[in-house]
Amino acid sequence: MSLKTAVDLWDRKWATVAGRADFLEPHPEVSALLPELKSRGARTALDLGCGVGRHALFLAEGGLDVVAVDGSAAGLKVLRETAAARSLTVEPRQADGGSLPFPDCAFDFVLSWDVIYHGNLGDVGRRLAEVWRVLRPGGLFQGTMLPSRNSNYGVGRLVAPGTFVVDGDEHHSLPHFYCDVMTLVALFSGFEILRLGQHQKRKPGSWHWNIIAERSS
């Protein structure tokens, strides 16, 4: 699936009230990290793949200077409107996660929740390399990946190593990359993984890696 096709899919989703319904409240694990960010003196944050901005808005409410990146113009439009209604300052930017328009070491914190694994191994590697580049040494990354334990692993067409597409399923028609712990650790070369665990989401078998990692010098 091309980047344009993927963006079109998210534009359709974010343009409807029903499509946004499950993506309005920050995830509890993101909320729980805010005190640690403050204790570390974090001031700048990047929400990579922000969707309609649930986490960007939460971080801005918590006092951080937030840039929110997404490919979807519809999602960024909702974010702008919500931020204005709540008198919050967030900088929305339409960009590709594999080529971020920011200088090196620009952020104290990068969040990418349920985003980076949409693609193949090369896509994931490029995004994480960009995260490492724009994160200052000692800065934190928080995000999710898909383990091979996830019940959707192996479902659909294999389009690249560890990467599957389910034709006819709107969400899973996007490529999804799944990995074991050794592959995950290799992808996070240049980071120290501080916390790593697997958690189920709403559906049985919907396992995700939840990761907090610190950029090495």
N, C-alpha and C. Protein backbone atom coordinates (compact mmCIF):
# COMPACT_ATOMS: atom_id res chain seq x y z
N MET A 1 0.84 -1.19 0.00
CA MET A 1 0.00 0.00 0.00
C MET A 1 0.88 1.24 0.00
N SER A 2 0.54 2.19 -0.87
CA SER A 2 1.32 3.43 -0.95
C SER A 2 1.02 4.32 0.25
N LEU A 3 1.94 5.27 0.49
CA LEU A 3 1.73 6.23 1.57
C LEU A 3 0.45 7.02 1.34
N LYS A 4 0.20 7.42 0.07
CA LYS A 4 -1.00 8.19 -0.24
C LYS A 4 -2.26 7.40 0.10
N THR A 5 -2.27 6.11 -0.24
CA THR A 5 -3.44 5.28 0.05
C THR A 5 -3.66 5.15 1.55
N ALA A 6 -2.57 4.98 2.31
CA ALA A 6 -2.68 4.87 3.76
C ALA A 6 -3.22 6.17 4.36
N VAL A 7 -2.72 7.30 3.88
CA VAL A 7 -3.20 8.60 4.37
C VAL A 7 -4.67 8.78 4.04
N ASP A 8 -5.08 8.37 2.84
CA ASP A 8 -6.50 8.46 2.46
C ASP A 8 -7.37 7.67 3.42
N LEU A 9 -6.90 6.49 3.82
CA LEU A 9 -7.66 5.66 4.76
C LEU A 9 -7.85 6.39 6.08
N TRP A 10 -6.77 6.97 6.63
CA TRP A 10 -6.88 7.67 7.91
C TRP A 10 -7.69 8.95 7.78
N ASP A 11 -7.59 9.63 6.63
CA ASP A 11 -8.42 10.82 6.41
C ASP A 11 -9.90 10.46 6.52
N ARG A 12 -10.28 9.35 5.94
CA ARG A 12 -11.69 8.92 6.01
C ARG A 12 -12.10 8.61 7.44
N LYS A 13 -11.20 7.95 8.16
CA LYS A 13 -11.52 7.57 9.54
C LYS A 13 -11.66 8.79 10.44
N TRP A 14 -10.70 9.71 10.37
CA TRP A 14 -10.70 10.87 11.27
C TRP A 14 -11.79 11.88 10.91
N ALA A 15 -12.34 11.80 9.72
CA ALA A 15 -13.37 12.76 9.30
C ALA A 15 -14.73 12.46 9.91
N THR A 16 -14.89 11.30 10.56
CA THR A 16 -16.20 10.94 11.12
C THR A 16 -16.14 10.86 12.64
N VAL A 17 -17.24 11.17 13.27
CA VAL A 17 -17.34 11.07 14.74
C VAL A 17 -17.10 9.63 15.18
N ALA A 18 -17.71 8.68 14.46
CA ALA A 18 -17.56 7.27 14.82
C ALA A 18 -16.10 6.81 14.68
N GLY A 19 -15.42 7.28 13.64
CA GLY A 19 -14.03 6.89 13.43
C GLY A 19 -13.10 7.40 14.50
N ARG A 20 -13.45 8.55 15.10
CA ARG A 20 -12.60 9.15 16.14
C ARG A 20 -12.93 8.66 17.54
N ALA A 21 -14.04 7.97 17.69
CA ALA A 21 -14.59 7.70 19.03
C ALA A 21 -13.62 7.00 19.97
N ASP A 22 -12.85 6.05 19.46
CA ASP A 22 -11.95 5.28 20.33
C ASP A 22 -10.57 5.93 20.47
N PHE A 23 -10.40 7.14 19.95
CA PHE A 23 -9.07 7.76 19.92
C PHE A 23 -9.10 9.18 20.49
N LEU A 24 -9.90 9.38 21.53
CA LEU A 24 -10.06 10.71 22.10
C LEU A 24 -9.38 10.87 23.46
N GLU A 25 -9.21 9.79 24.19
CA GLU A 25 -8.61 9.85 25.53
C GLU A 25 -7.18 9.33 25.49
N PRO A 26 -6.27 9.97 26.21
CA PRO A 26 -4.89 9.47 26.23
C PRO A 26 -4.81 8.09 26.86
N HIS A 27 -3.88 7.29 26.36
CA HIS A 27 -3.70 5.95 26.93
C HIS A 27 -3.13 6.11 28.35
N PRO A 28 -3.60 5.29 29.31
CA PRO A 28 -3.12 5.42 30.70
C PRO A 28 -1.61 5.32 30.85
N GLU A 29 -0.94 4.54 30.01
CA GLU A 29 0.52 4.43 30.14
C GLU A 29 1.23 5.72 29.71
N VAL A 30 0.62 6.43 28.76
CA VAL A 30 1.18 7.73 28.38
C VAL A 30 0.95 8.74 29.51
N SER A 31 -0.25 8.74 30.05
CA SER A 31 -0.56 9.64 31.17
C SER A 31 0.38 9.39 32.34
N ALA A 32 0.65 8.12 32.60
CA ALA A 32 1.47 7.76 33.76
C ALA A 32 2.92 8.20 33.64
N LEU A 33 3.38 8.46 32.41
CA LEU A 33 4.79 8.84 32.22
C LEU A 33 5.03 10.32 32.48
N LEU A 34 3.99 11.14 32.49
CA LEU A 34 4.18 12.59 32.60
C LEU A 34 4.98 13.00 33.84
N PRO A 35 4.71 12.45 35.03
CA PRO A 35 5.53 12.85 36.19
C PRO A 35 7.02 12.58 35.99
N GLU A 36 7.36 11.45 35.34
CA GLU A 36 8.77 11.16 35.10
C GLU A 36 9.36 12.16 34.11
N LEU A 37 8.60 12.51 33.08
CA LEU A 37 9.08 13.51 32.13
C LEU A 37 9.38 14.83 32.84
N LYS A 38 8.48 15.23 33.72
CA LYS A 38 8.67 16.49 34.46
C LYS A 38 9.88 16.40 35.38
N SER A 39 10.05 15.25 36.02
CA SER A 39 11.19 15.10 36.94
C SER A 39 12.51 15.13 36.19
N ARG A 40 12.50 14.76 34.91
CA ARG A 40 13.69 14.80 34.07
C ARG A 40 13.91 16.19 33.45
N GLY A 41 12.96 17.09 33.66
CA GLY A 41 13.09 18.44 33.10
C GLY A 41 12.71 18.54 31.64
N ALA A 42 11.92 17.59 31.14
CA ALA A 42 11.51 17.61 29.74
C ALA A 42 10.65 18.85 29.46
N ARG A 43 10.93 19.51 28.34
CA ARG A 43 10.18 20.71 27.97
C ARG A 43 9.55 20.57 26.58
N THR A 44 10.18 19.81 25.69
CA THR A 44 9.70 19.71 24.31
C THR A 44 9.31 18.28 23.99
N ALA A 45 8.22 18.12 23.25
CA ALA A 45 7.72 16.78 22.93
C ALA A 45 7.27 16.72 21.48
N LEU A 46 7.47 15.56 20.87
CA LEU A 46 6.98 15.26 19.54
C LEU A 46 6.02 14.10 19.63
N ASP A 47 4.78 14.29 19.16
CA ASP A 47 3.81 13.20 19.05
C ASP A 47 3.82 12.77 17.59
N LEU A 48 4.46 11.65 17.32
CA LEU A 48 4.67 11.16 15.96
C LEU A 48 3.55 10.19 15.58
N GLY A 49 2.73 10.60 14.63
CA GLY A 49 1.53 9.84 14.28
C GLY A 49 0.42 10.19 15.25
N CYS A 50 0.14 11.48 15.34
CA CYS A 50 -0.74 11.99 16.42
C CYS A 50 -2.22 11.71 16.20
N GLY A 51 -2.63 11.34 14.98
CA GLY A 51 -4.06 11.14 14.74
C GLY A 51 -4.83 12.42 14.98
N VAL A 52 -5.85 12.34 15.82
CA VAL A 52 -6.65 13.54 16.14
C VAL A 52 -6.12 14.26 17.38
N GLY A 53 -4.99 13.78 17.94
CA GLY A 53 -4.28 14.57 18.92
C GLY A 53 -4.54 14.26 20.38
N ARG A 54 -5.04 13.08 20.70
CA ARG A 54 -5.36 12.80 22.11
C ARG A 54 -4.14 12.94 23.02
N HIS A 55 -2.99 12.46 22.56
CA HIS A 55 -1.79 12.54 23.40
C HIS A 55 -1.12 13.90 23.31
N ALA A 56 -1.12 14.50 22.13
CA ALA A 56 -0.54 15.84 21.98
C ALA A 56 -1.25 16.83 22.89
N LEU A 57 -2.56 16.75 22.95
CA LEU A 57 -3.34 17.65 23.80
C LEU A 57 -3.05 17.41 25.27
N PHE A 58 -2.94 16.13 25.65
CA PHE A 58 -2.63 15.80 27.04
C PHE A 58 -1.26 16.35 27.43
N LEU A 59 -0.27 16.18 26.57
CA LEU A 59 1.08 16.65 26.88
C LEU A 59 1.12 18.18 26.96
N ALA A 60 0.38 18.84 26.08
CA ALA A 60 0.32 20.30 26.13
C ALA A 60 -0.36 20.77 27.41
N GLU A 61 -1.39 20.06 27.81
CA GLU A 61 -2.07 20.37 29.06
C GLU A 61 -1.12 20.21 30.24
N GLY A 62 -0.19 19.27 30.11
CA GLY A 62 0.79 19.01 31.16
C GLY A 62 1.95 19.98 31.17
N GLY A 63 1.95 20.95 30.26
CA GLY A 63 2.95 22.01 30.28
C GLY A 63 4.10 21.86 29.31
N LEU A 64 4.05 20.84 28.42
CA LEU A 64 5.13 20.66 27.45
C LEU A 64 4.85 21.46 26.18
N ASP A 65 5.92 21.86 25.49
CA ASP A 65 5.80 22.45 24.16
C ASP A 65 5.72 21.29 23.16
N VAL A 66 4.59 21.17 22.48
CA VAL A 66 4.30 19.96 21.71
C VAL A 66 4.20 20.25 20.22
N VAL A 67 4.91 19.45 19.44
CA VAL A 67 4.73 19.39 17.99
C VAL A 67 4.05 18.06 17.69
N ALA A 68 3.00 18.09 16.88
CA ALA A 68 2.23 16.89 16.56
C ALA A 68 2.30 16.63 15.06
N VAL A 69 2.81 15.47 14.69
CA VAL A 69 3.02 15.12 13.28
C VAL A 69 2.09 14.01 12.86
N ASP A 70 1.50 14.16 11.69
CA ASP A 70 0.71 13.09 11.10
C ASP A 70 0.66 13.30 9.59
N GLY A 71 0.36 12.24 8.87
CA GLY A 71 0.18 12.36 7.42
C GLY A 71 -1.22 12.79 7.04
N SER A 72 -2.16 12.67 7.97
CA SER A 72 -3.57 12.91 7.68
C SER A 72 -3.96 14.36 7.93
N ALA A 73 -4.37 15.04 6.90
CA ALA A 73 -4.84 16.43 7.05
C ALA A 73 -6.12 16.47 7.87
N ALA A 74 -6.98 15.45 7.73
CA ALA A 74 -8.23 15.42 8.49
C ALA A 74 -7.96 15.31 9.98
N GLY A 75 -7.01 14.48 10.36
CA GLY A 75 -6.67 14.35 11.77
C GLY A 75 -6.10 15.64 12.34
N LEU A 76 -5.22 16.29 11.58
CA LEU A 76 -4.61 17.54 12.04
C LEU A 76 -5.65 18.65 12.14
N LYS A 77 -6.65 18.64 11.26
CA LYS A 77 -7.73 19.64 11.33
C LYS A 77 -8.50 19.49 12.64
N VAL A 78 -8.83 18.24 13.01
CA VAL A 78 -9.53 18.00 14.28
C VAL A 78 -8.67 18.45 15.45
N LEU A 79 -7.37 18.16 15.39
CA LEU A 79 -6.45 18.57 16.45
C LEU A 79 -6.45 20.09 16.61
N ARG A 80 -6.34 20.82 15.51
CA ARG A 80 -6.33 22.29 15.58
C ARG A 80 -7.61 22.80 16.24
N GLU A 81 -8.75 22.26 15.82
CA GLU A 81 -10.03 22.72 16.35
C GLU A 81 -10.15 22.41 17.84
N THR A 82 -9.71 21.22 18.24
CA THR A 82 -9.81 20.83 19.65
C THR A 82 -8.87 21.66 20.51
N ALA A 83 -7.64 21.89 20.02
CA ALA A 83 -6.68 22.70 20.77
C ALA A 83 -7.22 24.12 20.96
N ALA A 84 -7.81 24.68 19.92
CA ALA A 84 -8.36 26.03 20.02
C ALA A 84 -9.51 26.07 21.03
N ALA A 85 -10.37 25.05 21.00
CA ALA A 85 -11.52 25.01 21.91
C ALA A 85 -11.07 24.88 23.36
N ARG A 86 -9.91 24.23 23.58
CA ARG A 86 -9.41 24.02 24.94
C ARG A 86 -8.32 25.02 25.33
N SER A 87 -8.10 26.01 24.46
CA SER A 87 -7.09 27.06 24.71
C SER A 87 -5.70 26.46 24.97
N LEU A 88 -5.35 25.47 24.15
CA LEU A 88 -4.04 24.84 24.25
C LEU A 88 -3.21 25.16 23.02
N THR A 89 -1.91 25.21 23.21
CA THR A 89 -0.99 25.48 22.09
C THR A 89 -0.30 24.18 21.69
N VAL A 90 -0.59 23.73 20.47
CA VAL A 90 0.07 22.57 19.87
C VAL A 90 0.43 22.96 18.44
N GLU A 91 1.61 22.58 18.00
CA GLU A 91 2.02 22.87 16.62
C GLU A 91 1.78 21.64 15.74
N PRO A 92 0.73 21.63 14.90
CA PRO A 92 0.50 20.49 14.02
C PRO A 92 1.36 20.59 12.76
N ARG A 93 1.93 19.45 12.34
CA ARG A 93 2.75 19.43 11.12
C ARG A 93 2.39 18.19 10.32
N GLN A 94 2.13 18.36 9.04
CA GLN A 94 1.88 17.22 8.17
C GLN A 94 3.22 16.76 7.61
N ALA A 95 3.60 15.53 7.91
CA ALA A 95 4.92 15.04 7.51
C ALA A 95 4.94 13.52 7.55
N ASP A 96 5.98 12.95 6.95
CA ASP A 96 6.21 11.51 6.91
C ASP A 96 7.19 11.14 8.02
N GLY A 97 6.83 10.13 8.82
CA GLY A 97 7.67 9.72 9.94
C GLY A 97 9.04 9.21 9.54
N GLY A 98 9.22 8.85 8.28
CA GLY A 98 10.52 8.37 7.83
C GLY A 98 11.46 9.48 7.40
N SER A 99 10.97 10.73 7.41
CA SER A 99 11.80 11.88 7.03
C SER A 99 11.25 13.11 7.74
N LEU A 100 11.64 13.29 8.98
CA LEU A 100 11.05 14.33 9.82
C LEU A 100 11.70 15.69 9.56
N PRO A 101 10.89 16.75 9.48
CA PRO A 101 11.41 18.08 9.15
C PRO A 101 11.89 18.86 10.37
N PHE A 102 12.75 18.22 11.19
CA PHE A 102 13.23 18.85 12.41
C PHE A 102 14.74 18.66 12.51
N PRO A 103 15.42 19.58 13.20
CA PRO A 103 16.87 19.44 13.37
C PRO A 103 17.21 18.31 14.34
N ASP A 104 18.46 17.93 14.35
CA ASP A 104 18.94 16.93 15.30
C ASP A 104 18.71 17.41 16.73
N CYS A 105 18.40 16.45 17.60
CA CYS A 105 18.32 16.70 19.06
C CYS A 105 17.31 17.80 19.40
N ALA A 106 16.18 17.82 18.69
CA ALA A 106 15.20 18.90 18.86
C ALA A 106 14.23 18.67 20.02
N PHE A 107 14.10 17.41 20.48
CA PHE A 107 13.04 17.10 21.45
C PHE A 107 13.59 16.35 22.67
N ASP A 108 12.92 16.61 23.80
CA ASP A 108 13.23 15.88 25.03
C ASP A 108 12.46 14.57 25.12
N PHE A 109 11.35 14.48 24.39
CA PHE A 109 10.47 13.32 24.47
C PHE A 109 9.83 13.10 23.10
N VAL A 110 9.84 11.86 22.65
CA VAL A 110 9.12 11.47 21.43
C VAL A 110 8.16 10.34 21.77
N LEU A 111 6.92 10.53 21.39
CA LEU A 111 5.87 9.52 21.58
C LEU A 111 5.40 9.05 20.22
N SER A 112 5.25 7.74 20.06
CA SER A 112 4.65 7.22 18.84
C SER A 112 3.82 5.99 19.21
N TRP A 113 2.52 6.22 19.42
CA TRP A 113 1.64 5.20 19.97
C TRP A 113 0.83 4.54 18.86
N ASP A 114 1.05 3.24 18.65
CA ASP A 114 0.30 2.46 17.65
C ASP A 114 0.51 3.01 16.24
N VAL A 115 1.74 3.33 15.91
CA VAL A 115 2.02 3.95 14.61
C VAL A 115 3.19 3.29 13.88
N ILE A 116 4.32 3.17 14.56
CA ILE A 116 5.58 2.84 13.89
C ILE A 116 5.52 1.50 13.15
N TYR A 117 4.71 0.58 13.62
CA TYR A 117 4.68 -0.76 13.02
C TYR A 117 3.85 -0.84 11.75
N HIS A 118 3.25 0.24 11.29
CA HIS A 118 2.52 0.22 10.02
C HIS A 118 3.53 0.33 8.87
N GLY A 119 3.91 -0.81 8.34
CA GLY A 119 4.91 -0.85 7.27
C GLY A 119 5.71 -2.13 7.36
N ASN A 120 6.87 -2.14 6.75
CA ASN A 120 7.74 -3.31 6.82
C ASN A 120 8.95 -3.01 7.70
N LEU A 121 9.86 -3.96 7.78
CA LEU A 121 11.03 -3.80 8.64
C LEU A 121 11.82 -2.54 8.29
N GLY A 122 12.00 -2.29 6.98
CA GLY A 122 12.73 -1.11 6.56
C GLY A 122 12.04 0.18 6.98
N ASP A 123 10.71 0.22 6.84
CA ASP A 123 9.95 1.40 7.26
C ASP A 123 10.14 1.66 8.76
N VAL A 124 10.02 0.59 9.55
CA VAL A 124 10.18 0.72 11.00
C VAL A 124 11.58 1.22 11.35
N GLY A 125 12.58 0.64 10.69
CA GLY A 125 13.96 1.06 10.95
C GLY A 125 14.20 2.52 10.62
N ARG A 126 13.65 2.98 9.48
CA ARG A 126 13.82 4.39 9.11
C ARG A 126 13.14 5.32 10.12
N ARG A 127 11.96 4.96 10.57
CA ARG A 127 11.25 5.80 11.54
C ARG A 127 12.00 5.87 12.86
N LEU A 128 12.50 4.73 13.32
CA LEU A 128 13.23 4.74 14.59
C LEU A 128 14.56 5.49 14.46
N ALA A 129 15.19 5.42 13.29
CA ALA A 129 16.41 6.20 13.07
C ALA A 129 16.11 7.70 13.15
N GLU A 130 14.96 8.11 12.61
CA GLU A 130 14.56 9.51 12.68
C GLU A 130 14.21 9.91 14.12
N VAL A 131 13.55 9.01 14.84
CA VAL A 131 13.27 9.28 16.25
C VAL A 131 14.59 9.51 17.00
N TRP A 132 15.55 8.62 16.79
CA TRP A 132 16.85 8.75 17.46
C TRP A 132 17.49 10.09 17.11
N ARG A 133 17.42 10.47 15.84
CA ARG A 133 18.07 11.70 15.37
C ARG A 133 17.48 12.95 16.02
N VAL A 134 16.15 13.02 16.11
CA VAL A 134 15.52 14.26 16.61
C VAL A 134 15.41 14.29 18.14
N LEU A 135 15.72 13.17 18.78
CA LEU A 135 15.67 13.10 20.24
C LEU A 135 17.03 13.47 20.80
N ARG A 136 17.04 14.30 21.82
CA ARG A 136 18.33 14.68 22.42
C ARG A 136 18.91 13.49 23.19
N PRO A 137 20.23 13.41 23.35
CA PRO A 137 20.81 12.35 24.17
C PRO A 137 20.23 12.40 25.59
N GLY A 138 19.81 11.26 26.08
CA GLY A 138 19.15 11.19 27.38
C GLY A 138 17.66 11.41 27.34
N GLY A 139 17.14 11.79 26.16
CA GLY A 139 15.70 11.97 26.01
C GLY A 139 14.98 10.63 25.94
N LEU A 140 13.67 10.66 26.18
CA LEU A 140 12.89 9.42 26.24
C LEU A 140 12.03 9.24 25.00
N PHE A 141 11.93 7.99 24.59
CA PHE A 141 10.96 7.56 23.59
C PHE A 141 9.95 6.65 24.28
N GLN A 142 8.67 6.82 23.94
CA GLN A 142 7.63 5.90 24.39
C GLN A 142 6.81 5.49 23.18
N GLY A 143 6.55 4.20 23.05
CA GLY A 143 5.76 3.76 21.91
C GLY A 143 5.37 2.30 21.99
N THR A 144 4.79 1.83 20.91
CA THR A 144 4.31 0.46 20.84
C THR A 144 4.81 -0.20 19.56
N MET A 145 4.93 -1.53 19.64
CA MET A 145 5.23 -2.37 18.48
C MET A 145 4.34 -3.61 18.59
N LEU A 146 4.33 -4.40 17.53
CA LEU A 146 3.52 -5.62 17.52
C LEU A 146 4.42 -6.85 17.69
N PRO A 147 4.13 -7.69 18.69
CA PRO A 147 4.89 -8.94 18.85
C PRO A 147 4.30 -10.05 17.98
N SER A 148 5.10 -11.05 17.70
CA SER A 148 4.59 -12.20 16.94
C SER A 148 3.58 -12.99 17.75
N ARG A 149 3.44 -12.68 19.03
CA ARG A 149 2.40 -13.29 19.87
C ARG A 149 1.00 -12.76 19.53
N ASN A 150 0.92 -11.61 18.87
CA ASN A 150 -0.36 -11.01 18.52
C ASN A 150 -1.16 -11.97 17.65
N SER A 151 -2.46 -12.06 17.91
CA SER A 151 -3.29 -13.06 17.22
C SER A 151 -3.41 -12.80 15.71
N ASN A 152 -3.08 -11.60 15.26
CA ASN A 152 -3.12 -11.31 13.82
C ASN A 152 -1.83 -11.67 13.10
N TYR A 153 -0.81 -12.07 13.86
CA TYR A 153 0.44 -12.47 13.21
C TYR A 153 0.18 -13.69 12.32
N GLY A 154 0.61 -13.61 11.08
CA GLY A 154 0.42 -14.71 10.14
C GLY A 154 -0.91 -14.69 9.40
N VAL A 155 -1.78 -13.74 9.74
CA VAL A 155 -3.09 -13.64 9.08
C VAL A 155 -2.94 -12.76 7.84
N GLY A 156 -3.46 -13.21 6.71
CA GLY A 156 -3.41 -12.42 5.48
C GLY A 156 -2.21 -12.77 4.62
N ARG A 157 -1.83 -11.84 3.76
CA ARG A 157 -0.73 -12.06 2.82
C ARG A 157 0.58 -11.59 3.43
N LEU A 158 1.59 -12.43 3.30
CA LEU A 158 2.94 -12.04 3.70
C LEU A 158 3.51 -11.17 2.58
N VAL A 159 3.79 -9.89 2.87
CA VAL A 159 4.27 -8.97 1.84
C VAL A 159 5.74 -8.61 2.02
N ALA A 160 6.29 -8.93 3.18
CA ALA A 160 7.71 -8.72 3.49
C ALA A 160 7.97 -9.50 4.77
N PRO A 161 9.24 -9.75 5.12
CA PRO A 161 9.50 -10.50 6.35
C PRO A 161 8.78 -9.90 7.56
N GLY A 162 7.96 -10.74 8.22
CA GLY A 162 7.23 -10.31 9.41
C GLY A 162 6.09 -9.35 9.15
N THR A 163 5.73 -9.12 7.88
CA THR A 163 4.77 -8.08 7.52
C THR A 163 3.59 -8.68 6.75
N PHE A 164 2.38 -8.40 7.25
CA PHE A 164 1.18 -9.00 6.68
C PHE A 164 0.15 -7.93 6.33
N VAL A 165 -0.62 -8.23 5.28
CA VAL A 165 -1.73 -7.39 4.83
C VAL A 165 -2.96 -8.27 4.72
N VAL A 166 -4.10 -7.79 5.24
CA VAL A 166 -5.36 -8.53 5.13
C VAL A 166 -6.24 -7.79 4.14
N ASP A 167 -6.39 -8.33 2.95
CA ASP A 167 -7.21 -7.70 1.93
C ASP A 167 -8.67 -7.66 2.37
N GLY A 168 -9.33 -6.53 2.13
CA GLY A 168 -10.75 -6.42 2.46
C GLY A 168 -11.02 -5.95 3.87
N ASP A 169 -9.99 -5.87 4.72
CA ASP A 169 -10.13 -5.37 6.08
C ASP A 169 -9.53 -3.96 6.09
N GLU A 170 -10.36 -2.94 6.33
CA GLU A 170 -9.89 -1.57 6.14
C GLU A 170 -8.64 -1.29 6.95
N HIS A 171 -8.63 -1.64 8.22
CA HIS A 171 -7.47 -1.33 9.05
C HIS A 171 -6.28 -2.21 8.68
N HIS A 172 -6.50 -3.51 8.55
CA HIS A 172 -5.38 -4.42 8.30
C HIS A 172 -5.02 -4.54 6.83
N SER A 173 -5.66 -3.71 5.97
CA SER A 173 -5.17 -3.59 4.60
C SER A 173 -3.89 -2.75 4.58
N LEU A 174 -3.62 -2.03 5.69
CA LEU A 174 -2.30 -1.42 5.90
C LEU A 174 -1.32 -2.52 6.29
N PRO A 175 -0.08 -2.47 5.81
CA PRO A 175 0.91 -3.45 6.26
C PRO A 175 1.15 -3.32 7.76
N HIS A 176 1.22 -4.47 8.43
CA HIS A 176 1.52 -4.51 9.87
C HIS A 176 2.76 -5.37 10.06
N PHE A 177 3.75 -4.81 10.76
CA PHE A 177 5.00 -5.51 11.01
C PHE A 177 5.01 -6.07 12.43
N TYR A 178 5.36 -7.36 12.55
CA TYR A 178 5.41 -8.06 13.84
C TYR A 178 6.84 -8.53 14.08
N CYS A 179 7.28 -8.51 15.36
CA CYS A 179 8.65 -8.92 15.62
C CYS A 179 8.77 -9.63 16.96
N ASP A 180 9.83 -10.43 17.06
CA ASP A 180 10.18 -11.05 18.34
C ASP A 180 11.09 -10.10 19.11
N VAL A 181 11.44 -10.48 20.32
CA VAL A 181 12.18 -9.57 21.19
C VAL A 181 13.59 -9.30 20.66
N MET A 182 14.22 -10.29 20.02
CA MET A 182 15.57 -10.07 19.50
C MET A 182 15.55 -9.03 18.38
N THR A 183 14.55 -9.10 17.52
CA THR A 183 14.43 -8.12 16.44
C THR A 183 14.13 -6.74 17.00
N LEU A 184 13.27 -6.69 18.02
CA LEU A 184 12.93 -5.41 18.63
C LEU A 184 14.16 -4.76 19.24
N VAL A 185 14.94 -5.53 19.97
CA VAL A 185 16.15 -4.99 20.60
C VAL A 185 17.12 -4.48 19.53
N ALA A 186 17.25 -5.21 18.43
CA ALA A 186 18.13 -4.78 17.34
C ALA A 186 17.64 -3.47 16.72
N LEU A 187 16.33 -3.33 16.57
CA LEU A 187 15.77 -2.11 16.01
C LEU A 187 16.04 -0.91 16.91
N PHE A 188 16.14 -1.15 18.21
CA PHE A 188 16.37 -0.07 19.16
C PHE A 188 17.86 0.10 19.49
N SER A 189 18.72 -0.31 18.56
CA SER A 189 20.14 -0.01 18.70
C SER A 189 20.31 1.51 18.78
N GLY A 190 21.11 1.97 19.71
CA GLY A 190 21.24 3.40 19.92
C GLY A 190 20.36 3.92 21.05
N PHE A 191 19.54 3.03 21.58
CA PHE A 191 18.70 3.35 22.74
C PHE A 191 19.02 2.38 23.87
N GLU A 192 18.78 2.80 25.09
CA GLU A 192 18.73 1.87 26.22
C GLU A 192 17.26 1.64 26.54
N ILE A 193 16.83 0.39 26.44
CA ILE A 193 15.44 0.08 26.74
C ILE A 193 15.27 0.05 28.25
N LEU A 194 14.44 0.96 28.76
CA LEU A 194 14.23 1.06 30.20
C LEU A 194 13.10 0.19 30.68
N ARG A 195 12.04 0.10 29.89
CA ARG A 195 10.88 -0.73 30.24
C ARG A 195 10.33 -1.37 28.98
N LEU A 196 10.02 -2.64 29.09
CA LEU A 196 9.48 -3.38 27.96
C LEU A 196 8.51 -4.42 28.48
N GLY A 197 7.31 -4.38 27.98
CA GLY A 197 6.31 -5.37 28.39
C GLY A 197 5.30 -5.59 27.29
N GLN A 198 4.53 -6.67 27.42
CA GLN A 198 3.45 -6.95 26.47
C GLN A 198 2.12 -6.79 27.17
N HIS A 199 1.21 -6.09 26.51
CA HIS A 199 -0.11 -5.83 27.08
C HIS A 199 -1.17 -6.04 26.00
N GLN A 200 -2.31 -6.58 26.42
CA GLN A 200 -3.43 -6.73 25.51
C GLN A 200 -4.24 -5.44 25.45
N LYS A 201 -4.77 -5.17 24.27
CA LYS A 201 -5.66 -4.02 24.12
C LYS A 201 -7.10 -4.50 24.32
N ARG A 202 -8.03 -3.96 23.56
CA ARG A 202 -9.45 -4.26 23.82
C ARG A 202 -9.82 -5.71 23.54
N LYS A 203 -9.23 -6.32 22.51
CA LYS A 203 -9.65 -7.66 22.09
C LYS A 203 -8.68 -8.72 22.61
N PRO A 204 -9.20 -9.91 22.93
CA PRO A 204 -8.30 -11.01 23.31
C PRO A 204 -7.29 -11.28 22.20
N GLY A 205 -6.05 -11.46 22.59
CA GLY A 205 -4.99 -11.74 21.61
C GLY A 205 -4.36 -10.51 20.98
N SER A 206 -4.85 -9.32 21.34
CA SER A 206 -4.34 -8.08 20.71
C SER A 206 -3.10 -7.56 21.44
N TRP A 207 -2.10 -8.42 21.51
CA TRP A 207 -0.88 -8.09 22.27
C TRP A 207 -0.06 -7.02 21.56
N HIS A 208 0.49 -6.09 22.33
CA HIS A 208 1.40 -5.06 21.84
C HIS A 208 2.61 -4.99 22.78
N TRP A 209 3.78 -4.72 22.19
CA TRP A 209 4.92 -4.32 23.02
C TRP A 209 4.70 -2.88 23.45
N ASN A 210 4.86 -2.58 24.71
CA ASN A 210 4.89 -1.21 25.22
C ASN A 210 6.32 -0.92 25.64
N ILE A 211 6.89 0.14 25.09
CA ILE A 211 8.33 0.40 25.21
C ILE A 211 8.59 1.80 25.74
N ILE A 212 9.51 1.91 26.68
CA ILE A 212 10.10 3.19 27.06
C ILE A 212 11.61 3.02 26.93
N ALA A 213 12.21 3.91 26.14
CA ALA A 213 13.65 3.79 25.86
C ALA A 213 14.29 5.17 25.92
N GLU A 214 15.55 5.17 26.31
CA GLU A 214 16.32 6.42 26.44
C GLU A 214 17.37 6.47 25.33
N ARG A 215 17.45 7.59 24.65
CA ARG A 215 18.48 7.71 23.60
C ARG A 215 19.87 7.76 24.23
N SER A 216 20.73 6.90 23.73
CA SER A 216 22.12 6.93 24.17
C SER A 216 22.85 8.12 23.54
N SER A 217 24.00 8.46 24.06
CA SER A 217 24.78 9.59 23.54
C SER A 217 25.23 9.31 22.11
